[in-house]
Amino acid sequence: MVSFKMHLPSEIPFNNSPKPVQRGNILEWEQPLADRLAGVPLEIETHLEPQSILYSTLLLFGGTIVAAAMTFAIVIWLVVRHGRKEEMST
């Protein structure tokens, strides 16, 4: 058995692969070795979404970094504010 695995740059709404799409953008086709050695062509057809998944991934990572930074800023602000209240009361 000869296997072809393709990692494509965007989501795949249509393909002629006998196996299901893996993780949204990985396809796999298989062909018996005898057919491969005989030169039998393997039909590979796929349609891709126009938008790359890279944009979505970068947006997700960017949003996570911003959320973490905001959480740290709020915690630091609360600690500093709580410390000032104790300082003023003494």
PDB file of N, CA and C in Angstrom:
ATOM      1  N   MET A   1       0.845  -1.168   0.000  1.00  0.00           N
ATOM      2  CA  MET A   1       0.000   0.000   0.000  1.00  0.00           C
ATOM      3  C   MET A   1       0.898   1.240   0.000  1.00  0.00           C
ATOM      4  N   VAL A   2       0.576   2.185  -0.877  1.00  0.00           N
ATOM      5  CA  VAL A   2       1.287   3.456  -0.941  1.00  0.00           C
ATOM      6  C   VAL A   2       0.311   4.520  -0.459  1.00  0.00           C
ATOM      7  N   SER A   3       0.766   5.375   0.421  1.00  0.00           N
ATOM      8  CA  SER A   3      -0.107   6.380   1.009  1.00  0.00           C
ATOM      9  C   SER A   3       0.402   7.778   0.668  1.00  0.00           C
ATOM     10  N   PHE A   4      -0.523   8.682   0.382  1.00  0.00           N
ATOM     11  CA  PHE A   4      -0.212  10.089   0.118  1.00  0.00           C
ATOM     12  C   PHE A   4      -0.938  10.906   1.175  1.00  0.00           C
ATOM     13  N   LYS A   5      -0.197  11.732   1.889  1.00  0.00           N
ATOM     14  CA  LYS A   5      -0.778  12.560   2.938  1.00  0.00           C
ATOM     15  C   LYS A   5      -0.469  14.013   2.622  1.00  0.00           C
ATOM     16  N   MET A   6      -1.495  14.859   2.629  1.00  0.00           N
ATOM     17  CA  MET A   6      -1.311  16.270   2.292  1.00  0.00           C
ATOM     18  C   MET A   6      -1.786  17.149   3.446  1.00  0.00           C
ATOM     19  N   HIS A   7      -0.935  18.075   3.856  1.00  0.00           N
ATOM     20  CA  HIS A   7      -1.296  19.093   4.837  1.00  0.00           C
ATOM     21  C   HIS A   7      -1.577  20.358   4.034  1.00  0.00           C
ATOM     22  N   LEU A   8      -2.828  20.765   3.996  1.00  0.00           N
ATOM     23  CA  LEU A   8      -3.230  21.901   3.170  1.00  0.00           C
ATOM     24  C   LEU A   8      -3.396  23.156   4.026  1.00  0.00           C
ATOM     25  N   PRO A   9      -3.249  24.356   3.415  1.00  0.00           N
ATOM     26  CA  PRO A   9      -3.204  25.597   4.198  1.00  0.00           C
ATOM     27  C   PRO A   9      -4.549  26.162   4.643  1.00  0.00           C
ATOM     28  N   SER A  10      -5.666  25.530   4.300  1.00  0.00           N
ATOM     29  CA  SER A  10      -6.956  26.031   4.763  1.00  0.00           C
ATOM     30  C   SER A  10      -7.930  24.877   4.926  1.00  0.00           C
ATOM     31  N   GLU A  11      -9.145  25.196   5.394  1.00  0.00           N
ATOM     32  CA  GLU A  11     -10.139  24.145   5.593  1.00  0.00           C
ATOM     33  C   GLU A  11     -10.576  23.560   4.260  1.00  0.00           C
ATOM     34  N   ILE A  12     -11.045  22.329   4.304  1.00  0.00           N
ATOM     35  CA  ILE A  12     -11.373  21.583   3.092  1.00  0.00           C
ATOM     36  C   ILE A  12     -12.865  21.245   3.089  1.00  0.00           C
ATOM     37  N   PRO A  13     -13.683  21.979   2.308  1.00  0.00           N
ATOM     38  CA  PRO A  13     -15.115  21.653   2.260  1.00  0.00           C
ATOM     39  C   PRO A  13     -15.439  20.439   1.390  1.00  0.00           C
ATOM     40  N   PHE A  14     -14.593  20.126   0.387  1.00  0.00           N
ATOM     41  CA  PHE A  14     -14.853  18.987  -0.497  1.00  0.00           C
ATOM     42  C   PHE A  14     -13.544  18.285  -0.846  1.00  0.00           C
ATOM     43  N   ASN A  15     -13.589  16.945  -0.906  1.00  0.00           N
ATOM     44  CA  ASN A  15     -12.439  16.161  -1.362  1.00  0.00           C
ATOM     45  C   ASN A  15     -12.932  14.785  -1.778  1.00  0.00           C
ATOM     46  N   ASN A  16     -12.124  14.075  -2.550  1.00  0.00           N
ATOM     47  CA  ASN A  16     -12.486  12.720  -2.968  1.00  0.00           C
ATOM     48  C   ASN A  16     -11.659  11.652  -2.246  1.00  0.00           C
ATOM     49  N   SER A  17     -11.124  11.996  -1.109  1.00  0.00           N
ATOM     50  CA  SER A  17     -10.347  11.043  -0.316  1.00  0.00           C
ATOM     51  C   SER A  17     -11.285  10.025   0.321  1.00  0.00           C
ATOM     52  N   PRO A  18     -10.897   8.747   0.327  1.00  0.00           N
ATOM     53  CA  PRO A  18     -11.743   7.742   0.972  1.00  0.00           C
ATOM     54  C   PRO A  18     -11.724   7.834   2.500  1.00  0.00           C
ATOM     55  N   LYS A  19     -10.735   8.516   3.042  1.00  0.00           N
ATOM     56  CA  LYS A  19     -10.626   8.674   4.495  1.00  0.00           C
ATOM     57  C   LYS A  19     -11.147  10.053   4.899  1.00  0.00           C
ATOM     58  N   PRO A  20     -11.617  10.205   6.137  1.00  0.00           N
ATOM     59  CA  PRO A  20     -12.121  11.516   6.578  1.00  0.00           C
ATOM     60  C   PRO A  20     -10.985  12.534   6.748  1.00  0.00           C
ATOM     61  N   VAL A  21     -11.343  13.804   6.696  1.00  0.00           N
ATOM     62  CA  VAL A  21     -10.377  14.888   6.894  1.00  0.00           C
ATOM     63  C   VAL A  21      -9.927  14.865   8.347  1.00  0.00           C
ATOM     64  N   GLN A  22      -8.623  15.002   8.568  1.00  0.00           N
ATOM     65  CA  GLN A  22      -8.057  14.997   9.910  1.00  0.00           C
ATOM     66  C   GLN A  22      -7.731  16.424  10.326  1.00  0.00           C
ATOM     67  N   ARG A  23      -8.149  16.823  11.506  1.00  0.00           N
ATOM     68  CA  ARG A  23      -7.867  18.152  12.087  1.00  0.00           C
ATOM     69  C   ARG A  23      -8.215  19.304  11.149  1.00  0.00           C
ATOM     70  N   GLY A  24      -9.166  19.132  10.268  1.00  0.00           N
ATOM     71  CA  GLY A  24      -9.642  20.232   9.442  1.00  0.00           C
ATOM     72  C   GLY A  24      -8.859  20.504   8.180  1.00  0.00           C
ATOM     73  N   ASN A  25      -7.621  20.019   8.062  1.00  0.00           N
ATOM     74  CA  ASN A  25      -6.840  20.347   6.865  1.00  0.00           C
ATOM     75  C   ASN A  25      -5.826  19.277   6.443  1.00  0.00           C
ATOM     76  N   ILE A  26      -5.989  18.039   6.880  1.00  0.00           N
ATOM     77  CA  ILE A  26      -5.066  16.975   6.495  1.00  0.00           C
ATOM     78  C   ILE A  26      -5.855  15.881   5.771  1.00  0.00           C
ATOM     79  N   LEU A  27      -5.399  15.543   4.564  1.00  0.00           N
ATOM     80  CA  LEU A  27      -6.050  14.512   3.743  1.00  0.00           C
ATOM     81  C   LEU A  27      -5.092  13.360   3.481  1.00  0.00           C
ATOM     82  N   GLU A  28      -5.669  12.180   3.257  1.00  0.00           N
ATOM     83  CA  GLU A  28      -4.839  11.001   2.979  1.00  0.00           C
ATOM     84  C   GLU A  28      -5.510  10.135   1.912  1.00  0.00           C
ATOM     85  N   TRP A  29      -4.723   9.717   0.928  1.00  0.00           N
ATOM     86  CA  TRP A  29      -5.167   8.791  -0.111  1.00  0.00           C
ATOM     87  C   TRP A  29      -4.260   7.579  -0.073  1.00  0.00           C
ATOM     88  N   GLU A  30      -4.814   6.406  -0.418  1.00  0.00           N
ATOM     89  CA  GLU A  30      -4.016   5.185  -0.481  1.00  0.00           C
ATOM     90  C   GLU A  30      -4.202   4.520  -1.838  1.00  0.00           C
ATOM     91  N   GLN A  31      -3.147   3.827  -2.284  1.00  0.00           N
ATOM     92  CA  GLN A  31      -3.183   3.105  -3.553  1.00  0.00           C
ATOM     93  C   GLN A  31      -2.379   1.821  -3.386  1.00  0.00           C
ATOM     94  N   PRO A  32      -2.919   0.697  -3.859  1.00  0.00           N
ATOM     95  CA  PRO A  32      -2.142  -0.550  -3.765  1.00  0.00           C
ATOM     96  C   PRO A  32      -0.820  -0.436  -4.530  1.00  0.00           C
ATOM     97  N   LEU A  33       0.204  -1.069  -4.027  1.00  0.00           N
ATOM     98  CA  LEU A  33       1.531  -0.988  -4.629  1.00  0.00           C
ATOM     99  C   LEU A  33       1.524  -1.515  -6.068  1.00  0.00           C
ATOM    100  N   ALA A  34       0.756  -2.553  -6.337  1.00  0.00           N
ATOM    101  CA  ALA A  34       0.686  -3.104  -7.706  1.00  0.00           C
ATOM    102  C   ALA A  34       0.158  -2.057  -8.686  1.00  0.00           C
ATOM    103  N   ASP A  35      -0.876  -1.302  -8.278  1.00  0.00           N
ATOM    104  CA  ASP A  35      -1.403  -0.226  -9.134  1.00  0.00           C
ATOM    105  C   ASP A  35      -0.368   0.873  -9.313  1.00  0.00           C
ATOM    106  N   ARG A  36       0.340   1.192  -8.251  1.00  0.00           N
ATOM    107  CA  ARG A  36       1.359   2.256  -8.320  1.00  0.00           C
ATOM    108  C   ARG A  36       2.471   1.847  -9.285  1.00  0.00           C
ATOM    109  N   LEU A  37       2.942   0.611  -9.191  1.00  0.00           N
ATOM    110  CA  LEU A  37       4.006   0.137 -10.074  1.00  0.00           C
ATOM    111  C   LEU A  37       3.534   0.024 -11.524  1.00  0.00           C
ATOM    112  N   ALA A  38       2.239  -0.229 -11.726  1.00  0.00           N
ATOM    113  CA  ALA A  38       1.691  -0.325 -13.084  1.00  0.00           C
ATOM    114  C   ALA A  38       1.423   1.042 -13.689  1.00  0.00           C
ATOM    115  N   GLY A  39       1.595   2.084 -12.918  1.00  0.00           N
ATOM    116  CA  GLY A  39       1.399   3.435 -13.431  1.00  0.00           C
ATOM    117  C   GLY A  39      -0.055   3.879 -13.475  1.00  0.00           C
ATOM    118  N   VAL A  40      -0.910   3.217 -12.704  1.00  0.00           N
ATOM    119  CA  VAL A  40      -2.321   3.608 -12.643  1.00  0.00           C
ATOM    120  C   VAL A  40      -2.401   4.969 -11.950  1.00  0.00           C
ATOM    121  N   PRO A  41      -3.040   5.957 -12.599  1.00  0.00           N
ATOM    122  CA  PRO A  41      -3.105   7.286 -11.980  1.00  0.00           C
ATOM    123  C   PRO A  41      -4.023   7.291 -10.752  1.00  0.00           C
ATOM    124  N   LEU A  42      -3.682   8.114  -9.811  1.00  0.00           N
ATOM    125  CA  LEU A  42      -4.490   8.296  -8.608  1.00  0.00           C
ATOM    126  C   LEU A  42      -5.154   9.657  -8.722  1.00  0.00           C
ATOM    127  N   GLU A  43      -6.475   9.662  -8.713  1.00  0.00           N
ATOM    128  CA  GLU A  43      -7.196  10.937  -8.832  1.00  0.00           C
ATOM    129  C   GLU A  43      -7.282  11.583  -7.454  1.00  0.00           C
ATOM    130  N   ILE A  44      -6.702  12.768  -7.366  1.00  0.00           N
ATOM    131  CA  ILE A  44      -6.737  13.536  -6.128  1.00  0.00           C
ATOM    132  C   ILE A  44      -7.447  14.844  -6.452  1.00  0.00           C
ATOM    133  N   GLU A  45      -8.582  15.063  -5.766  1.00  0.00           N
ATOM    134  CA  GLU A  45      -9.338  16.295  -5.983  1.00  0.00           C
ATOM    135  C   GLU A  45      -9.738  16.870  -4.630  1.00  0.00           C
ATOM    136  N   THR A  46      -9.543  18.146  -4.484  1.00  0.00           N
ATOM    137  CA  THR A  46      -9.927  18.824  -3.253  1.00  0.00           C
ATOM    138  C   THR A  46     -10.258  20.281  -3.555  1.00  0.00           C
ATOM    139  N   HIS A  47     -11.165  20.823  -2.785  1.00  0.00           N
ATOM    140  CA  HIS A  47     -11.504  22.250  -2.867  1.00  0.00           C
ATOM    141  C   HIS A  47     -11.157  22.873  -1.515  1.00  0.00           C
ATOM    142  N   LEU A  48     -10.539  24.037  -1.549  1.00  0.00           N
ATOM    143  CA  LEU A  48     -10.100  24.699  -0.322  1.00  0.00           C
ATOM    144  C   LEU A  48     -10.891  25.972  -0.084  1.00  0.00           C
ATOM    145  N   GLU A  49     -11.011  26.354   1.185  1.00  0.00           N
ATOM    146  CA  GLU A  49     -11.594  27.644   1.544  1.00  0.00           C
ATOM    147  C   GLU A  49     -10.617  28.740   1.132  1.00  0.00           C
ATOM    148  N   PRO A  50     -11.122  29.910   0.729  1.00  0.00           N
ATOM    149  CA  PRO A  50     -10.202  30.971   0.287  1.00  0.00           C
ATOM    150  C   PRO A  50      -9.353  31.564   1.416  1.00  0.00           C
ATOM    151  N   GLN A  51      -9.819  31.481   2.656  1.00  0.00           N
ATOM    152  CA  GLN A  51      -9.072  32.063   3.768  1.00  0.00           C
ATOM    153  C   GLN A  51      -8.196  30.993   4.423  1.00  0.00           C
ATOM    154  N   SER A  52      -6.943  31.313   4.630  1.00  0.00           N
ATOM    155  CA  SER A  52      -5.997  30.392   5.250  1.00  0.00           C
ATOM    156  C   SER A  52      -6.307  30.229   6.736  1.00  0.00           C
ATOM    157  N   ILE A  53      -6.018  29.056   7.291  1.00  0.00           N
ATOM    158  CA  ILE A  53      -6.212  28.860   8.727  1.00  0.00           C
ATOM    159  C   ILE A  53      -5.130  29.563   9.540  1.00  0.00           C
ATOM    160  N   LEU A  54      -4.072  30.026   8.872  1.00  0.00           N
ATOM    161  CA  LEU A  54      -3.018  30.758   9.575  1.00  0.00           C
ATOM    162  C   LEU A  54      -3.581  32.027  10.207  1.00  0.00           C
ATOM    163  N   TYR A  55      -4.455  32.738   9.481  1.00  0.00           N
ATOM    164  CA  TYR A  55      -5.055  33.969   9.998  1.00  0.00           C
ATOM    165  C   TYR A  55      -5.848  33.673  11.273  1.00  0.00           C
ATOM    166  N   SER A  56      -6.660  32.631  11.246  1.00  0.00           N
ATOM    167  CA  SER A  56      -7.466  32.269  12.423  1.00  0.00           C
ATOM    168  C   SER A  56      -6.577  31.880  13.593  1.00  0.00           C
ATOM    169  N   THR A  57      -5.523  31.130  13.315  1.00  0.00           N
ATOM    170  CA  THR A  57      -4.616  30.678  14.366  1.00  0.00           C
ATOM    171  C   THR A  57      -3.884  31.855  15.003  1.00  0.00           C
ATOM    172  N   LEU A  58      -3.381  32.766  14.186  1.00  0.00           N
ATOM    173  CA  LEU A  58      -2.685  33.936  14.723  1.00  0.00           C
ATOM    174  C   LEU A  58      -3.626  34.815  15.537  1.00  0.00           C
ATOM    175  N   LEU A  59      -4.873  34.955  15.077  1.00  0.00           N
ATOM    176  CA  LEU A  59      -5.865  35.740  15.808  1.00  0.00           C
ATOM    177  C   LEU A  59      -6.154  35.097  17.164  1.00  0.00           C
ATOM    178  N   LEU A  60      -6.262  33.776  17.195  1.00  0.00           N
ATOM    179  CA  LEU A  60      -6.506  33.063  18.445  1.00  0.00           C
ATOM    180  C   LEU A  60      -5.340  33.242  19.420  1.00  0.00           C
ATOM    181  N   PHE A  61      -4.100  33.061  18.943  1.00  0.00           N
ATOM    182  CA  PHE A  61      -2.936  33.241  19.811  1.00  0.00           C
ATOM    183  C   PHE A  61      -2.807  34.684  20.281  1.00  0.00           C
ATOM    184  N   GLY A  62      -3.054  35.636  19.392  1.00  0.00           N
ATOM    185  CA  GLY A  62      -2.988  37.044  19.773  1.00  0.00           C
ATOM    186  C   GLY A  62      -4.015  37.383  20.844  1.00  0.00           C
ATOM    187  N   GLY A  63      -5.228  36.881  20.678  1.00  0.00           N
ATOM    188  CA  GLY A  63      -6.280  37.125  21.674  1.00  0.00           C
ATOM    189  C   GLY A  63      -5.931  36.515  23.022  1.00  0.00           C
ATOM    190  N   THR A  64      -5.328  35.340  23.009  1.00  0.00           N
ATOM    191  CA  THR A  64      -4.929  34.685  24.251  1.00  0.00           C
ATOM    192  C   THR A  64      -3.838  35.480  24.965  1.00  0.00           C
ATOM    193  N   ILE A  65      -2.879  35.989  24.205  1.00  0.00           N
ATOM    194  CA  ILE A  65      -1.803  36.793  24.807  1.00  0.00           C
ATOM    195  C   ILE A  65      -2.359  38.079  25.412  1.00  0.00           C
ATOM    196  N   VAL A  66      -3.273  38.729  24.704  1.00  0.00           N
ATOM    197  CA  VAL A  66      -3.890  39.959  25.216  1.00  0.00           C
ATOM    198  C   VAL A  66      -4.693  39.666  26.482  1.00  0.00           C
ATOM    199  N   ALA A  67      -5.457  38.574  26.497  1.00  0.00           N
ATOM    200  CA  ALA A  67      -6.243  38.213  27.682  1.00  0.00           C
ATOM    201  C   ALA A  67      -5.336  37.922  28.875  1.00  0.00           C
ATOM    202  N   ALA A  68      -4.230  37.225  28.660  1.00  0.00           N
ATOM    203  CA  ALA A  68      -3.297  36.926  29.755  1.00  0.00           C
ATOM    204  C   ALA A  68      -2.657  38.212  30.278  1.00  0.00           C
ATOM    205  N   ALA A  69      -2.278  39.118  29.386  1.00  0.00           N
ATOM    206  CA  ALA A  69      -1.675  40.388  29.806  1.00  0.00           C
ATOM    207  C   ALA A  69      -2.674  41.221  30.614  1.00  0.00           C
ATOM    208  N   MET A  70      -3.925  41.230  30.169  1.00  0.00           N
ATOM    209  CA  MET A  70      -4.944  41.983  30.908  1.00  0.00           C
ATOM    210  C   MET A  70      -5.181  41.378  32.295  1.00  0.00           C
ATOM    211  N   THR A  71      -5.162  40.059  32.390  1.00  0.00           N
ATOM    212  CA  THR A  71      -5.342  39.400  33.685  1.00  0.00           C
ATOM    213  C   THR A  71      -4.198  39.757  34.632  1.00  0.00           C
ATOM    214  N   PHE A  72      -2.960  39.708  34.131  1.00  0.00           N
ATOM    215  CA  PHE A  72      -1.822  40.104  34.961  1.00  0.00           C
ATOM    216  C   PHE A  72      -1.939  41.568  35.392  1.00  0.00           C
ATOM    217  N   ALA A  73      -2.329  42.444  34.493  1.00  0.00           N
ATOM    218  CA  ALA A  73      -2.459  43.865  34.820  1.00  0.00           C
ATOM    219  C   ALA A  73      -3.519  44.083  35.899  1.00  0.00           C
ATOM    220  N   ILE A  74      -4.650  43.387  35.806  1.00  0.00           N
ATOM    221  CA  ILE A  74      -5.712  43.544  36.800  1.00  0.00           C
ATOM    222  C   ILE A  74      -5.253  43.030  38.160  1.00  0.00           C
ATOM    223  N   VAL A  75      -4.590  41.870  38.186  1.00  0.00           N
ATOM    224  CA  VAL A  75      -4.107  41.317  39.458  1.00  0.00           C
ATOM    225  C   VAL A  75      -3.077  42.251  40.086  1.00  0.00           C
ATOM    226  N   ILE A  76      -2.149  42.759  39.308  1.00  0.00           N
ATOM    227  CA  ILE A  76      -1.134  43.691  39.842  1.00  0.00           C
ATOM    228  C   ILE A  76      -1.804  44.954  40.353  1.00  0.00           C
ATOM    229  N   TRP A  77      -2.771  45.473  39.621  1.00  0.00           N
ATOM    230  CA  TRP A  77      -3.480  46.684  40.040  1.00  0.00           C
ATOM    231  C   TRP A  77      -4.209  46.445  41.362  1.00  0.00           C
ATOM    232  N   LEU A  78      -4.875  45.269  41.504  1.00  0.00           N
ATOM    233  CA  LEU A  78      -5.585  44.959  42.753  1.00  0.00           C
ATOM    234  C   LEU A  78      -4.621  44.814  43.921  1.00  0.00           C
ATOM    235  N   VAL A  79      -3.466  44.186  43.706  1.00  0.00           N
ATOM    236  CA  VAL A  79      -2.482  44.024  44.777  1.00  0.00           C
ATOM    237  C   VAL A  79      -1.932  45.382  45.208  1.00  0.00           C
ATOM    238  N   VAL A  80      -1.613  46.242  44.245  1.00  0.00           N
ATOM    239  CA  VAL A  80      -1.093  47.573  44.571  1.00  0.00           C
ATOM    240  C   VAL A  80      -2.161  48.390  45.294  1.00  0.00           C
ATOM    241  N   ARG A  81      -3.389  48.326  44.859  1.00  0.00           N
ATOM    242  CA  ARG A  81      -4.482  49.092  45.472  1.00  0.00           C
ATOM    243  C   ARG A  81      -4.734  48.597  46.896  1.00  0.00           C
ATOM    244  N   HIS A  82      -4.724  47.278  47.108  1.00  0.00           N
ATOM    245  CA  HIS A  82      -4.923  46.719  48.443  1.00  0.00           C
ATOM    246  C   HIS A  82      -3.783  47.144  49.370  1.00  0.00           C
ATOM    247  N   GLY A  83      -2.553  47.176  48.866  1.00  0.00           N
ATOM    248  CA  GLY A  83      -1.410  47.602  49.663  1.00  0.00           C
ATOM    249  C   GLY A  83      -1.513  49.064  50.074  1.00  0.00           C
ATOM    250  N   ARG A  84      -2.041  49.933  49.201  1.00  0.00           N
ATOM    251  CA  ARG A  84      -2.195  51.346  49.527  1.00  0.00           C
ATOM    252  C   ARG A  84      -3.220  51.543  50.651  1.00  0.00           C
ATOM    253  N   LYS A  85      -4.313  50.779  50.629  1.00  0.00           N
ATOM    254  CA  LYS A  85      -5.340  50.893  51.660  1.00  0.00           C
ATOM    255  C   LYS A  85      -4.760  50.549  53.025  1.00  0.00           C
ATOM    256  N   GLU A  86      -3.951  49.480  53.090  1.00  0.00           N
ATOM    257  CA  GLU A  86      -3.336  49.098  54.354  1.00  0.00           C
ATOM    258  C   GLU A  86      -2.327  50.133  54.814  1.00  0.00           C
ATOM    259  N   GLU A  87      -1.618  50.759  53.863  1.00  0.00           N
ATOM    260  CA  GLU A  87      -0.621  51.765  54.186  1.00  0.00           C
ATOM    261  C   GLU A  87      -1.279  53.007  54.755  1.00  0.00           C
ATOM    262  N   MET A  88      -2.410  53.421  54.168  1.00  0.00           N
ATOM    263  CA  MET A  88      -3.101  54.633  54.614  1.00  0.00           C
ATOM    264  C   MET A  88      -3.740  54.435  55.974  1.00  0.00           C
ATOM    265  N   SER A  89      -4.207  53.239  56.290  1.00  0.00           N
ATOM    266  CA  SER A  89      -4.883  53.011  57.578  1.00  0.00           C
ATOM    267  C   SER A  89      -3.897  52.932  58.742  1.00  0.00           C
ATOM    268  N   THR A  90      -2.625  52.663  58.488  1.00  0.00           N
ATOM    269  CA  THR A  90      -1.656  52.565  59.598  1.00  0.00           C
ATOM    270  C   THR A  90      -1.016  53.847  59.927  1.00  0.00           C
TER     271      THR A  90
END
